[in-house]
């Protein structure tokens, strides 16, 4: 018999964060996190790293699998930041 662990605290924090931002919806990456917190299978994980930053060892080892892909996204329009 298999037992699914549901992270109720994590789900509450995720939904609270969206509500605190005045949203009644989740962004796509938050939906994947929500599904993971429910114990459901989720697509491969990803996270965004700000320009010039380096991921921590914990962030890298949290990614499943043996390989990590790096993508650099550039915009055709200048960033306002």
N, C-alpha and C. Protein backbone atom coordinates (compact mmCIF):
# COMPACT_ATOMS: atom_id res chain seq x y z
N UNK A 1 0.83 -1.17 0.00
CA UNK A 1 0.00 0.00 0.00
C UNK A 1 0.88 1.24 0.00
N UNK A 2 0.60 2.17 -0.87
CA UNK A 2 1.38 3.39 -1.01
C UNK A 2 0.71 4.53 -0.25
N UNK A 3 1.50 5.34 0.40
CA UNK A 3 0.98 6.49 1.13
C UNK A 3 1.48 7.75 0.46
N UNK A 4 0.57 8.67 0.17
CA UNK A 4 0.93 9.94 -0.43
C UNK A 4 1.04 10.98 0.67
N UNK A 5 2.16 11.69 0.70
CA UNK A 5 2.35 12.74 1.68
C UNK A 5 1.86 14.05 1.08
N UNK A 6 0.96 14.72 1.78
CA UNK A 6 0.45 16.02 1.35
C UNK A 6 0.98 17.06 2.33
N UNK A 7 1.67 18.05 1.79
CA UNK A 7 2.26 19.12 2.60
C UNK A 7 1.25 20.25 2.76
N UNK A 8 0.36 20.12 3.73
CA UNK A 8 -0.69 21.11 3.95
C UNK A 8 -0.12 22.48 4.29
N UNK A 9 0.94 22.50 5.08
CA UNK A 9 1.56 23.78 5.44
C UNK A 9 2.12 24.47 4.19
N UNK A 10 2.82 23.71 3.35
CA UNK A 10 3.38 24.26 2.13
C UNK A 10 2.30 24.78 1.19
N UNK A 11 1.19 24.03 1.09
CA UNK A 11 0.08 24.47 0.24
C UNK A 11 -0.50 25.77 0.78
N UNK A 12 -0.70 25.84 2.08
CA UNK A 12 -1.24 27.06 2.69
C UNK A 12 -0.32 28.25 2.45
N UNK A 13 0.98 28.05 2.58
CA UNK A 13 1.94 29.13 2.36
C UNK A 13 1.92 29.60 0.90
N UNK A 14 1.84 28.64 -0.02
CA UNK A 14 1.79 28.98 -1.44
C UNK A 14 0.56 29.81 -1.78
N UNK A 15 -0.60 29.36 -1.29
CA UNK A 15 -1.84 30.08 -1.56
C UNK A 15 -1.86 31.44 -0.86
N UNK A 16 -1.31 31.49 0.34
CA UNK A 16 -1.26 32.75 1.08
C UNK A 16 -0.38 33.77 0.36
N UNK A 17 0.74 33.31 -0.18
CA UNK A 17 1.65 34.22 -0.89
C UNK A 17 0.95 34.83 -2.11
N UNK A 18 0.19 34.01 -2.84
CA UNK A 18 -0.55 34.54 -4.00
C UNK A 18 -1.60 35.54 -3.52
N UNK A 19 -2.31 35.22 -2.46
CA UNK A 19 -3.35 36.12 -1.94
C UNK A 19 -2.73 37.42 -1.43
N UNK A 20 -1.57 37.32 -0.79
CA UNK A 20 -0.89 38.52 -0.29
C UNK A 20 -0.50 39.47 -1.42
N UNK A 21 -0.32 38.90 -2.63
CA UNK A 21 -0.01 39.72 -3.80
C UNK A 21 -1.28 40.17 -4.52
N UNK A 22 -2.43 39.88 -3.91
CA UNK A 22 -3.70 40.29 -4.49
C UNK A 22 -4.17 39.42 -5.63
N UNK A 23 -3.62 38.20 -5.73
CA UNK A 23 -3.99 37.31 -6.83
C UNK A 23 -4.96 36.25 -6.36
N UNK A 24 -5.91 35.90 -7.21
CA UNK A 24 -6.81 34.78 -6.95
C UNK A 24 -6.49 33.64 -7.92
N UNK A 25 -5.25 33.62 -8.38
CA UNK A 25 -4.79 32.60 -9.33
C UNK A 25 -3.33 32.28 -9.03
N UNK A 26 -2.85 31.18 -9.58
CA UNK A 26 -1.45 30.79 -9.44
C UNK A 26 -0.77 30.89 -10.80
N UNK A 27 0.48 31.28 -10.79
CA UNK A 27 1.28 31.25 -12.00
C UNK A 27 1.61 29.79 -12.33
N UNK A 28 2.01 29.54 -13.57
CA UNK A 28 2.26 28.17 -14.00
C UNK A 28 3.28 27.46 -13.08
N UNK A 29 4.38 28.13 -12.76
CA UNK A 29 5.39 27.48 -11.92
C UNK A 29 4.83 27.18 -10.53
N UNK A 30 3.89 28.02 -10.06
CA UNK A 30 3.27 27.78 -8.75
C UNK A 30 2.33 26.58 -8.81
N UNK A 31 1.68 26.38 -9.94
CA UNK A 31 0.80 25.21 -10.10
C UNK A 31 1.62 23.93 -10.00
N UNK A 32 2.79 23.92 -10.64
CA UNK A 32 3.65 22.73 -10.54
C UNK A 32 4.09 22.50 -9.10
N UNK A 33 4.41 23.57 -8.40
CA UNK A 33 4.77 23.46 -6.99
C UNK A 33 3.59 22.94 -6.18
N UNK A 34 2.39 23.47 -6.46
CA UNK A 34 1.16 23.03 -5.79
C UNK A 34 0.95 21.53 -5.98
N UNK A 35 1.09 21.06 -7.23
CA UNK A 35 0.93 19.64 -7.50
C UNK A 35 1.95 18.80 -6.75
N UNK A 36 3.16 19.28 -6.70
CA UNK A 36 4.22 18.58 -5.97
C UNK A 36 3.89 18.49 -4.49
N UNK A 37 3.38 19.58 -3.92
CA UNK A 37 3.01 19.61 -2.51
C UNK A 37 1.85 18.66 -2.22
N UNK A 38 1.03 18.41 -3.25
CA UNK A 38 -0.07 17.44 -3.13
C UNK A 38 0.43 16.00 -3.21
N UNK A 39 1.68 15.83 -3.61
CA UNK A 39 2.23 14.49 -3.75
C UNK A 39 2.03 13.92 -5.15
N UNK A 40 1.59 14.77 -6.08
CA UNK A 40 1.36 14.33 -7.46
C UNK A 40 2.67 14.34 -8.25
N UNK A 41 2.67 13.59 -9.34
CA UNK A 41 3.82 13.64 -10.23
C UNK A 41 3.83 14.99 -10.93
N UNK A 42 4.99 15.55 -11.10
CA UNK A 42 5.10 16.86 -11.73
C UNK A 42 6.12 16.80 -12.87
N UNK A 43 6.06 17.75 -13.78
CA UNK A 43 7.06 17.80 -14.86
C UNK A 43 8.43 18.15 -14.29
N UNK A 44 9.46 18.05 -15.12
CA UNK A 44 10.80 18.40 -14.64
C UNK A 44 10.83 19.78 -13.99
N UNK A 45 11.69 19.92 -13.00
CA UNK A 45 11.78 21.17 -12.25
C UNK A 45 12.68 22.17 -12.94
N UNK A 46 12.42 23.42 -12.65
CA UNK A 46 13.29 24.48 -13.14
C UNK A 46 13.24 25.64 -12.16
N UNK A 47 14.22 26.49 -12.22
CA UNK A 47 14.20 27.73 -11.44
C UNK A 47 15.00 28.76 -12.19
N UNK A 48 14.66 30.00 -11.96
CA UNK A 48 15.34 31.10 -12.64
C UNK A 48 16.43 31.66 -11.75
N UNK A 49 17.56 31.93 -12.34
CA UNK A 49 18.70 32.48 -11.62
C UNK A 49 18.94 33.89 -12.13
N UNK A 50 18.91 34.87 -11.26
CA UNK A 50 19.16 36.25 -11.72
C UNK A 50 20.54 36.37 -12.37
N UNK A 51 20.64 37.26 -13.33
CA UNK A 51 21.90 37.49 -14.03
C UNK A 51 23.00 37.78 -13.01
N UNK A 52 24.12 37.15 -13.18
CA UNK A 52 25.28 37.36 -12.31
C UNK A 52 25.27 36.52 -11.04
N UNK A 53 24.14 35.85 -10.75
CA UNK A 53 24.05 35.02 -9.54
C UNK A 53 24.46 33.59 -9.86
N UNK A 54 24.81 32.85 -8.83
CA UNK A 54 25.15 31.43 -9.00
C UNK A 54 24.25 30.62 -8.08
N UNK A 55 23.71 29.50 -8.59
CA UNK A 55 22.85 28.67 -7.74
C UNK A 55 23.65 28.04 -6.61
N UNK A 56 22.99 27.86 -5.48
CA UNK A 56 23.65 27.23 -4.33
C UNK A 56 23.74 25.72 -4.57
N UNK A 57 24.56 25.08 -3.79
CA UNK A 57 24.70 23.62 -3.87
C UNK A 57 23.36 22.96 -3.56
N UNK A 58 22.61 23.50 -2.58
CA UNK A 58 21.31 22.94 -2.23
C UNK A 58 20.33 23.04 -3.39
N UNK A 59 20.34 24.18 -4.11
CA UNK A 59 19.45 24.34 -5.26
C UNK A 59 19.79 23.33 -6.35
N UNK A 60 21.07 23.12 -6.58
CA UNK A 60 21.48 22.19 -7.63
C UNK A 60 21.15 20.75 -7.26
N UNK A 61 21.40 20.35 -6.03
CA UNK A 61 21.14 18.96 -5.64
C UNK A 61 19.65 18.68 -5.49
N UNK A 62 18.82 19.74 -5.35
CA UNK A 62 17.37 19.54 -5.26
C UNK A 62 16.77 19.18 -6.61
N UNK A 63 17.48 19.46 -7.70
CA UNK A 63 16.97 19.12 -9.02
C UNK A 63 17.13 17.62 -9.25
N UNK A 64 16.06 16.95 -9.71
CA UNK A 64 16.15 15.50 -9.92
C UNK A 64 16.98 15.16 -11.15
N UNK A 65 17.48 13.97 -11.18
CA UNK A 65 18.22 13.49 -12.35
C UNK A 65 19.71 13.70 -12.20
N UNK A 66 20.43 13.28 -13.24
CA UNK A 66 21.88 13.34 -13.21
C UNK A 66 22.45 14.50 -14.00
N UNK A 67 21.61 15.16 -14.82
CA UNK A 67 22.09 16.25 -15.66
C UNK A 67 21.25 17.50 -15.46
N UNK A 68 21.87 18.64 -15.67
CA UNK A 68 21.18 19.92 -15.57
C UNK A 68 21.42 20.67 -16.87
N UNK A 69 20.37 21.25 -17.41
CA UNK A 69 20.49 22.04 -18.64
C UNK A 69 20.46 23.53 -18.28
N UNK A 70 21.26 24.30 -19.00
CA UNK A 70 21.32 25.74 -18.78
C UNK A 70 20.80 26.43 -20.03
N UNK A 71 19.86 27.33 -19.83
CA UNK A 71 19.31 28.12 -20.93
C UNK A 71 19.46 29.59 -20.59
N UNK A 72 19.81 30.36 -21.56
CA UNK A 72 19.89 31.81 -21.38
C UNK A 72 18.82 32.44 -22.25
N UNK A 73 17.95 33.20 -21.64
CA UNK A 73 16.86 33.84 -22.37
C UNK A 73 17.19 35.31 -22.51
N UNK A 74 17.09 35.80 -23.74
CA UNK A 74 17.31 37.21 -23.99
C UNK A 74 16.07 37.79 -24.62
N UNK A 75 15.77 39.01 -24.24
CA UNK A 75 14.59 39.69 -24.76
C UNK A 75 14.97 40.62 -25.89
N UNK A 76 14.09 40.75 -26.87
CA UNK A 76 14.32 41.68 -27.97
C UNK A 76 14.05 43.11 -27.53
N UNK A 77 13.32 43.25 -26.44
CA UNK A 77 13.04 44.58 -25.91
C UNK A 77 13.84 44.80 -24.64
N UNK A 78 14.32 46.01 -24.40
CA UNK A 78 15.09 46.27 -23.19
C UNK A 78 14.24 46.10 -21.92
N UNK A 79 14.87 45.61 -20.91
CA UNK A 79 14.21 45.44 -19.62
C UNK A 79 14.08 46.77 -18.91
N UNK A 80 12.93 47.03 -18.27
CA UNK A 80 12.78 48.29 -17.52
C UNK A 80 13.57 48.30 -16.21
N UNK A 81 14.17 47.15 -15.86
CA UNK A 81 14.90 47.07 -14.60
C UNK A 81 16.32 47.33 -14.88
